[in-house]
């Protein structure tokens, strides 16, 4: 939501308490997922909770 309001990605990441290095690692790991795969991953994550 912050990004949709024009906040730069790294600024939004910092505002929610995530380090830039953590964001970069996450993005390199999961940033290239296709929508279908990321949706399935999201559903699997909710099932564990």
Protein backbone atom coordinates (compact mmCIF):
# COMPACT_ATOMS: atom_id res chain seq x y z
CA UNK A 1 0.00 0.00 0.00
CA UNK A 2 2.87 2.36 0.74
CA UNK A 3 4.35 1.72 -2.69
CA UNK A 4 0.98 2.36 -4.34
CA UNK A 5 0.99 5.76 -2.62
CA UNK A 6 4.32 6.60 -4.24
CA UNK A 7 6.69 5.58 -1.46
CA UNK A 8 9.96 4.12 -2.80
CA UNK A 9 10.28 0.37 -2.22
CA UNK A 10 13.27 0.64 0.13
CA UNK A 11 11.52 3.37 2.11
CA UNK A 12 8.44 1.18 2.51
CA UNK A 13 10.59 -1.79 3.49
CA UNK A 14 12.33 0.26 6.17
CA UNK A 15 9.00 1.58 7.49
CA UNK A 16 7.77 -1.95 8.20
CA UNK A 17 11.02 -2.83 9.96
CA UNK A 18 12.70 -5.00 7.33
CA UNK A 19 16.39 -4.48 6.59
CA UNK A 20 17.35 -3.67 3.00
CA UNK A 21 19.59 -6.76 2.92
CA UNK A 22 16.66 -8.96 3.96
CA UNK A 23 14.48 -7.46 1.25
CA UNK A 24 17.21 -7.96 -1.37
CA UNK A 25 17.62 -11.60 -0.30
CA UNK A 26 13.86 -12.21 -0.42
CA UNK A 27 13.59 -10.56 -3.82
CA UNK A 28 16.44 -12.60 -5.28
CA UNK A 29 14.83 -15.77 -3.91
CA UNK A 30 11.13 -15.14 -4.63
CA UNK A 31 10.93 -12.03 -6.81
CA UNK A 32 10.83 -13.93 -10.07
CA UNK A 33 7.99 -16.28 -9.13
CA UNK A 34 5.08 -16.38 -11.50
CA UNK A 35 1.72 -15.34 -10.05
CA UNK A 36 0.32 -18.89 -10.03
CA UNK A 37 3.31 -20.26 -8.14
CA UNK A 38 3.41 -17.40 -5.64
CA UNK A 39 -0.33 -17.80 -5.01
CA UNK A 40 0.11 -21.52 -4.34
CA UNK A 41 3.02 -20.73 -2.03
CA UNK A 42 0.88 -18.17 -0.19
CA UNK A 43 -1.95 -20.67 0.28
CA UNK A 44 0.50 -23.29 1.57
CA UNK A 45 1.87 -20.75 4.04
CA UNK A 46 -1.62 -20.00 5.37
CA UNK A 47 -2.33 -23.71 5.79
CA UNK A 48 0.64 -24.02 8.18
CA UNK A 49 -0.59 -21.19 10.41
